Structures are given as structure tokens and as C-alpha cells.
Amino acid sequence: MAKLFPEHSRSRLQGWLKEGLIQLDGHLAESKRKVYGGERIGFAADFAALSAPVLADTAEDIALCVVFEDDHILVIDKPAGLVVHPGNGNATGTLLNALLHHAPQVSGIPRAGIVHRLDKDTSGLLVVAKTLIAQTDLVRQMQARSVQRHYLALALGTVERDGTVDAPLGRHAVQRTKMAIVRAGGKEARTHYAVLERFEKSTLLECRLETGRTHQIRVHLASIKHPLAGDPVYGKAKCGDARLDAFPRQALHAWRLALRHPATGVEMSWESPLPDDFAQLLAILRE
């Protein structure tokens, strides 16, 4: 089945087999059943999609900045302050709630089609799948590391040169809400950064993710002693520059996203201008 229906993941096919949604020669199929050629598989993808558990989260009329939309994907420019997925302390008012209102069909897709996330206080671009097939394709692109995600980051201190941080990430051993570099058992993580502009006590970087781990850029830059401005979780509460100390969030913006369209195969890319607060901070620093 994985060969016949490559648009669906193996785990999804296994799930439908267990749910009795697949028939082989008119009988319920089992995953261990051997086939020899000439058998007939009864497979109703539409029915299988409808059988997926509908998300219990509430649809909410929350304004979204939609950069691109068709029948297959949505590209959203997320503002800082918007949580992507409901969790502890954020049961409502999230991007997922907004998606359920904007595109109700995503309620039948795992995680409402969200295939990657941005932290609450990180702004910028992310892509959402509107169909199961699109979700499978986007996840595979993520796994193949062919999706290009570029960020603008204002790091504290003077970054002397371009570089790469290659350090595995995992949950902090004590503070479980934080991530940390975990040499034994951590997940592979790699961040490339390039210097764009230097200021008195900070440096504007362009960061490119090769992997997409939780808090990756924040942890990696902090590990080289250049935490993000406005990030008290992984950096300094105060750096001595009132302009940087007053910034109320981590200075991180996902400004460019590029991928292959899951239905057409066309390479597409989008860019997002800096939000006002980040742009104003840079303007003040340049003065």
C-alpha cells in the first residue's frame, strides 16, 4: 500500500488498516497479509479522511494574515504573541483555533494541518496543510530538509563572523519547559548564521535552519554567548543598553519560507517584512 499510495504516510495507512477501512479482495485486510499479485484493494481515501478524529478544539474568529492560500496549503504570517497550538495556559485564542474557523476542513487533519511551529513571541511565516495528502508531502519535505526557513535575529554582543552551531537539543534536565544542548540522547540540530549588521551591543543575523527543533535558534545562539535580545529565558534579563532591555520579546522573525508545492511540484517562496516593533528597534539602533 505504501507503494500504491505514496501520498499517504505508512503510519496513516497502518491506522486505517487497524480501523478496518481497507479491504483486500472484499475482506478486511491485515497488515501481515502477504500479496502475490492480482489481488484487489478496496481503499476509500475520502472515507478514511472523514473517519479521522475531528479536533475538539473550538473554532474562533481570529484574524489571520494569509500570505498565500489555495486548495492544498495556507501560508500564514504569524504575529508575535499568538500561540500556535493549544497547551497549558493557552486552551483558546491560538492559531489552531483560528484555522478551524478559517478553513473548517482542517479539523479532520492531525494538528489541523500544522506541520511546523513558531514560538509564541516569534513572528513570521509558517505553512499549514489543508489536506491529508498535502500534510504528508510537507512532512516529508521537512524530513528531507528541503524546506528553507530563514530568520532575522538580533543577537546580543558582537558576532565576529558567520558560522554554524551543530549541537543536539533536548529537554532541560531540571527546567522541563526549557530546551538545552543535550550531548547524549539529544536530537540532531544545526543552525547556520550570517552577520548582516553590527551595532554597539548587538548584531543582526540571518539564521537558516537545517533542522527545526523547539527553541533551536534561541538555544544555539545562547550557547555561543550571543543570546537573542529580549529573551530572558535563554539570555540576560538586562544587557546594559536601555533600547535592547526594553524590547518585550525575543527579537526573532521568520522572514523567508521556501518549499515545493505538494500538489503541483512548483518551487515557491514567500517573504515577510519585519514587524513594526522589530523594525523600530533596528531604526533606533541605527540612529
Protein backbone atom coordinates (compact mmCIF):
# COMPACT_ATOMS: atom_id res chain seq x y z
CA MET A 1 0.00 0.00 0.00
CA ALA A 2 2.88 2.35 0.68
CA LYS A 3 3.96 1.85 -2.94
CA LEU A 4 0.44 2.19 -4.34
CA PHE A 5 -0.45 5.27 -2.30
CA PRO A 6 2.78 7.22 -1.73
CA GLU A 7 0.76 10.36 -0.95
CA HIS A 8 -0.14 8.79 2.42
CA SER A 9 2.32 8.04 5.22
CA ARG A 10 2.94 4.49 6.42
CA SER A 11 1.61 5.32 9.87
CA ARG A 12 -1.62 6.68 8.37
CA LEU A 13 -2.08 3.55 6.24
CA GLN A 14 -1.45 1.36 9.28
CA GLY A 15 -4.05 3.31 11.21
CA TRP A 16 -6.65 2.84 8.50
CA LEU A 17 -5.86 -0.89 8.35
CA LYS A 18 -6.46 -1.18 12.10
CA GLU A 19 -9.72 0.75 11.74
CA GLY A 20 -10.95 -1.70 9.10
CA LEU A 21 -11.04 0.87 6.32
CA ILE A 22 -9.01 -1.24 3.87
CA GLN A 23 -10.31 -4.36 2.11
CA LEU A 24 -8.38 -6.98 0.19
CA ASP A 25 -10.50 -8.96 -2.29
CA GLY A 26 -13.63 -7.92 -0.43
CA HIS A 27 -12.39 -8.87 3.05
CA LEU A 28 -10.86 -6.80 5.83
CA ALA A 29 -7.13 -6.60 5.26
CA GLU A 30 -4.44 -7.18 7.87
CA SER A 31 -1.01 -5.59 7.73
CA LYS A 32 0.70 -9.00 7.88
CA ARG A 33 -1.27 -10.38 4.89
CA LYS A 34 1.04 -11.27 2.01
CA VAL A 35 0.04 -10.35 -1.54
CA TYR A 36 1.23 -12.11 -4.68
CA GLY A 37 -0.23 -10.04 -7.50
CA GLY A 38 -3.71 -9.77 -8.96
CA GLU A 39 -5.48 -9.03 -5.67
CA ARG A 40 -7.85 -6.08 -5.49
CA ILE A 41 -7.52 -3.48 -2.75
CA GLY A 42 -10.60 -1.54 -1.75
CA PHE A 43 -9.37 1.79 -0.50
CA ALA A 44 -11.60 4.82 0.03
CA ALA A 45 -9.25 7.69 0.86
CA ASP A 46 -12.11 10.16 1.18
CA PHE A 47 -13.92 7.89 3.63
CA ALA A 48 -10.70 7.31 5.53
CA ALA A 49 -10.11 11.05 5.79
CA LEU A 50 -13.61 11.59 7.13
CA SER A 51 -13.01 8.88 9.70
CA ALA A 52 -10.14 10.78 11.26
CA PRO A 53 -10.99 12.09 14.72
CA VAL A 54 -12.35 15.62 14.48
CA LEU A 55 -10.47 18.09 16.65
CA ALA A 56 -12.42 19.03 19.73
CA ASP A 57 -10.85 22.48 19.84
CA THR A 58 -13.15 25.43 19.32
CA ALA A 59 -13.16 27.37 16.08
CA GLU A 60 -12.58 31.05 16.84
CA ASP A 61 -12.92 34.08 14.60
CA ILE A 62 -9.35 35.31 14.99
CA ALA A 63 -7.90 37.44 12.22
CA LEU A 64 -5.14 35.78 10.20
CA CYS A 65 -2.63 37.39 7.87
CA VAL A 66 -2.83 34.97 4.93
CA VAL A 67 0.10 35.36 2.55
CA PHE A 68 -0.94 32.52 0.21
CA GLU A 69 -3.84 30.10 0.03
CA ASP A 70 -5.19 27.50 -2.39
CA ASP A 71 -6.99 24.18 -2.02
CA HIS A 72 -3.87 22.49 -0.64
CA ILE A 73 -1.89 24.83 1.62
CA LEU A 74 -2.05 28.02 3.63
CA VAL A 75 0.92 30.30 4.32
CA ILE A 76 0.38 32.47 7.39
CA ASP A 77 2.33 35.50 8.59
CA LYS A 78 2.01 34.97 12.35
CA PRO A 79 2.21 37.99 14.64
CA ALA A 80 4.23 37.91 17.84
CA GLY A 81 2.06 36.97 20.81
CA LEU A 82 -0.07 34.38 19.01
CA VAL A 83 0.35 30.82 20.31
CA VAL A 84 0.38 28.22 17.52
CA HIS A 85 -1.16 25.22 19.30
CA PRO A 86 -3.33 24.97 22.45
CA GLY A 87 -1.50 23.89 25.57
CA ASN A 88 -1.19 24.58 29.27
CA GLY A 89 -2.44 28.10 29.90
CA ASN A 90 -3.43 28.57 26.26
CA ALA A 91 -6.55 26.48 25.67
CA THR A 92 -8.06 29.07 23.32
CA GLY A 93 -7.02 32.05 21.25
CA THR A 94 -4.40 30.10 19.29
CA LEU A 95 -3.51 29.84 15.63
CA LEU A 96 -5.11 26.38 15.59
CA ASN A 97 -8.42 27.85 16.81
CA ALA A 98 -8.20 30.49 14.10
CA LEU A 99 -7.50 27.86 11.43
CA LEU A 100 -10.57 25.83 12.42
CA HIS A 101 -12.69 28.93 11.75
CA HIS A 102 -10.90 30.00 8.58
CA ALA A 103 -10.71 26.52 6.99
CA PRO A 104 -13.07 24.12 8.84
CA GLN A 105 -11.90 21.15 6.76
CA VAL A 106 -8.60 21.07 8.66
CA SER A 107 -10.45 19.68 11.70
CA GLY A 108 -10.12 16.24 10.10
CA ILE A 109 -6.33 16.54 9.74
CA PRO A 110 -3.91 15.78 12.59
CA ARG A 111 -2.91 19.01 14.38
CA ALA A 112 -5.21 20.92 12.00
CA GLY A 113 -2.57 20.66 9.27
CA ILE A 114 0.15 22.43 11.26
CA VAL A 115 3.46 20.85 10.23
CA HIS A 116 5.89 23.21 11.99
CA ARG A 117 5.62 25.86 14.67
CA LEU A 118 6.89 29.22 15.76
CA ASP A 119 7.26 30.20 19.40
CA LYS A 120 4.54 32.46 20.81
CA ASP A 121 6.71 35.57 20.68
CA THR A 122 8.39 34.77 17.36
CA SER A 123 6.78 36.41 14.34
CA GLY A 124 6.77 35.37 10.70
CA LEU A 125 5.91 32.73 8.14
CA LEU A 126 4.65 29.20 8.57
CA VAL A 127 2.85 26.78 6.25
CA VAL A 128 -0.30 24.77 7.03
CA ALA A 129 -1.65 21.79 5.07
CA LYS A 130 -5.33 21.80 4.11
CA THR A 131 -5.47 18.14 3.07
CA LEU A 132 -4.01 14.88 4.35
CA ILE A 133 -2.06 14.43 1.12
CA ALA A 134 -0.54 17.90 1.40
CA GLN A 135 0.36 17.27 5.03
CA THR A 136 2.15 14.03 4.21
CA ASP A 137 4.13 15.73 1.45
CA LEU A 138 5.10 18.71 3.60
CA VAL A 139 6.20 16.46 6.47
CA ARG A 140 8.39 14.51 4.04
CA GLN A 141 9.91 17.74 2.76
CA MET A 142 10.67 18.72 6.35
CA GLN A 143 12.27 15.34 6.97
CA ALA A 144 14.32 15.69 3.78
CA ARG A 145 15.34 19.19 4.95
CA SER A 146 14.35 20.70 1.63
CA VAL A 147 12.06 23.33 3.20
CA GLN A 148 14.05 26.54 3.55
CA ARG A 149 13.38 28.61 6.67
CA HIS A 150 15.29 31.84 7.14
CA TYR A 151 15.07 34.06 10.22
CA LEU A 152 16.24 37.54 11.18
CA ALA A 153 17.65 37.54 14.69
CA LEU A 154 19.07 40.35 16.82
CA ALA A 155 21.75 38.77 19.00
CA LEU A 156 23.42 40.45 21.96
CA GLY A 157 27.10 41.27 21.69
CA THR A 158 29.37 41.48 18.66
CA VAL A 159 29.28 38.40 16.46
CA GLU A 160 32.64 38.45 14.70
CA ARG A 161 31.94 36.17 11.74
CA ASP A 162 29.46 33.85 10.04
CA GLY A 163 29.21 30.36 11.46
CA THR A 164 27.26 27.21 12.25
CA VAL A 165 26.11 25.77 15.56
CA ASP A 166 25.89 21.99 15.41
CA ALA A 167 24.65 20.77 18.79
CA PRO A 168 21.89 18.28 19.68
CA LEU A 169 18.88 19.56 21.62
CA GLY A 170 16.61 18.03 24.23
CA ARG A 171 14.58 18.95 27.30
CA HIS A 172 16.45 20.72 30.07
CA ALA A 173 17.26 18.22 32.81
CA VAL A 174 15.74 20.39 35.56
CA GLN A 175 13.61 23.10 33.95
CA ARG A 176 11.32 20.99 31.77
CA THR A 177 9.77 23.96 29.97
CA LYS A 178 13.20 24.84 28.57
CA MET A 179 15.34 23.19 25.93
CA ALA A 180 19.08 22.66 26.26
CA ILE A 181 22.07 21.22 24.45
CA VAL A 182 21.99 17.51 25.31
CA ARG A 183 25.04 15.65 24.05
CA ALA A 184 23.75 12.21 25.00
CA GLY A 185 20.31 11.44 23.66
CA GLY A 186 19.53 14.86 22.21
CA LYS A 187 18.09 15.30 18.73
CA GLU A 188 20.35 16.47 15.93
CA ALA A 189 20.15 20.24 15.47
CA ARG A 190 22.06 22.56 13.17
CA THR A 191 21.76 26.34 12.73
CA HIS A 192 23.69 28.41 10.18
CA TYR A 193 24.06 32.14 10.81
CA ALA A 194 25.43 35.08 8.85
CA VAL A 195 26.23 38.59 10.04
CA LEU A 196 24.10 41.28 8.38
CA GLU A 197 24.72 44.37 10.51
CA ARG A 198 26.57 45.25 13.71
CA PHE A 199 25.51 47.73 16.39
CA GLU A 200 27.13 48.90 19.61
CA LYS A 201 25.95 45.99 21.77
CA SER A 202 24.14 43.72 19.32
CA THR A 203 24.39 42.07 15.90
CA LEU A 204 21.68 41.48 13.31
CA LEU A 205 21.95 37.93 11.96
CA GLU A 206 20.27 35.89 9.29
CA CYS A 207 19.76 32.36 10.60
CA ARG A 208 18.96 29.35 8.43
CA LEU A 209 17.62 26.20 9.99
CA GLU A 210 18.86 22.88 8.74
CA THR A 211 16.74 21.16 11.39
CA GLY A 212 13.69 22.50 13.19
CA ARG A 213 13.85 21.76 16.91
CA THR A 214 11.93 23.58 19.62
CA HIS A 215 13.65 26.87 20.56
CA GLN A 216 16.56 25.90 18.29
CA ILE A 217 17.85 29.35 17.33
CA ARG A 218 17.35 30.69 20.85
CA VAL A 219 19.32 27.86 22.47
CA HIS A 220 22.03 27.70 19.82
CA LEU A 221 22.79 31.44 19.89
CA ALA A 222 22.80 31.45 23.69
CA SER A 223 25.30 28.58 23.60
CA ILE A 224 27.82 30.76 21.75
CA LYS A 225 27.28 33.63 24.24
CA HIS A 226 25.08 35.66 21.91
CA PRO A 227 21.50 35.19 23.14
CA LEU A 228 18.65 36.97 21.44
CA ALA A 229 17.73 40.46 22.56
CA GLY A 230 14.53 40.35 24.61
CA ASP A 231 14.89 36.68 25.53
CA PRO A 232 15.15 36.37 29.34
CA VAL A 233 14.58 32.60 29.18
CA TYR A 234 17.88 31.86 27.42
CA GLY A 235 19.68 35.18 27.76
CA LYS A 236 20.26 38.06 30.12
CA ALA A 237 17.41 39.92 31.78
CA LYS A 238 19.41 43.13 31.20
CA CYS A 239 22.34 43.84 28.88
CA GLY A 240 23.01 47.47 29.82
CA ASP A 241 21.54 49.03 26.67
CA ALA A 242 18.15 50.53 27.57
CA ARG A 243 16.94 50.23 23.98
CA LEU A 244 17.57 46.47 23.94
CA ASP A 245 16.47 45.92 27.54
CA ALA A 246 13.09 47.48 26.79
CA PHE A 247 12.28 45.12 23.91
CA PRO A 248 9.43 42.93 25.23
CA ARG A 249 10.03 39.70 23.31
CA GLN A 250 12.79 37.68 21.70
CA ALA A 251 13.96 39.57 18.61
CA LEU A 252 13.33 36.77 16.12
CA HIS A 253 11.35 36.89 12.86
CA ALA A 254 10.80 34.11 10.30
CA TRP A 255 11.20 36.29 7.24
CA ARG A 256 11.55 33.78 4.37
CA LEU A 257 9.95 30.41 3.61
CA ALA A 258 10.56 28.28 0.52
CA LEU A 259 9.18 24.84 -0.39
CA ARG A 260 7.87 22.65 -3.17
CA HIS A 261 4.10 22.88 -3.61
CA PRO A 262 2.73 19.48 -2.55
CA ALA A 263 0.24 19.26 -5.42
CA THR A 264 1.97 20.97 -8.36
CA GLY A 265 5.62 20.34 -7.51
CA VAL A 266 6.40 24.01 -8.26
CA GLU A 267 9.09 25.61 -6.09
CA MET A 268 7.55 28.52 -4.20
CA SER A 269 8.84 31.10 -1.76
CA TRP A 270 7.46 33.92 0.35
CA GLU A 271 8.97 36.78 2.34
CA SER A 272 7.60 38.70 5.30
CA PRO A 273 8.63 42.25 6.18
CA LEU A 274 9.85 42.90 9.70
CA PRO A 275 7.00 43.64 12.11
CA ASP A 276 6.80 47.22 13.37
CA ASP A 277 8.33 46.60 16.80
CA PHE A 278 11.41 44.85 15.38
CA ALA A 279 11.82 47.39 12.57
CA GLN A 280 11.54 50.31 15.01
CA LEU A 281 14.15 48.76 17.29
CA LEU A 282 16.60 48.49 14.40
CA ALA A 283 15.86 52.08 13.36
CA ILE A 284 16.61 53.29 16.88
CA LEU A 285 19.86 51.31 16.99
CA ARG A 286 20.94 52.78 13.65
CA GLU A 287 20.48 56.30 14.99
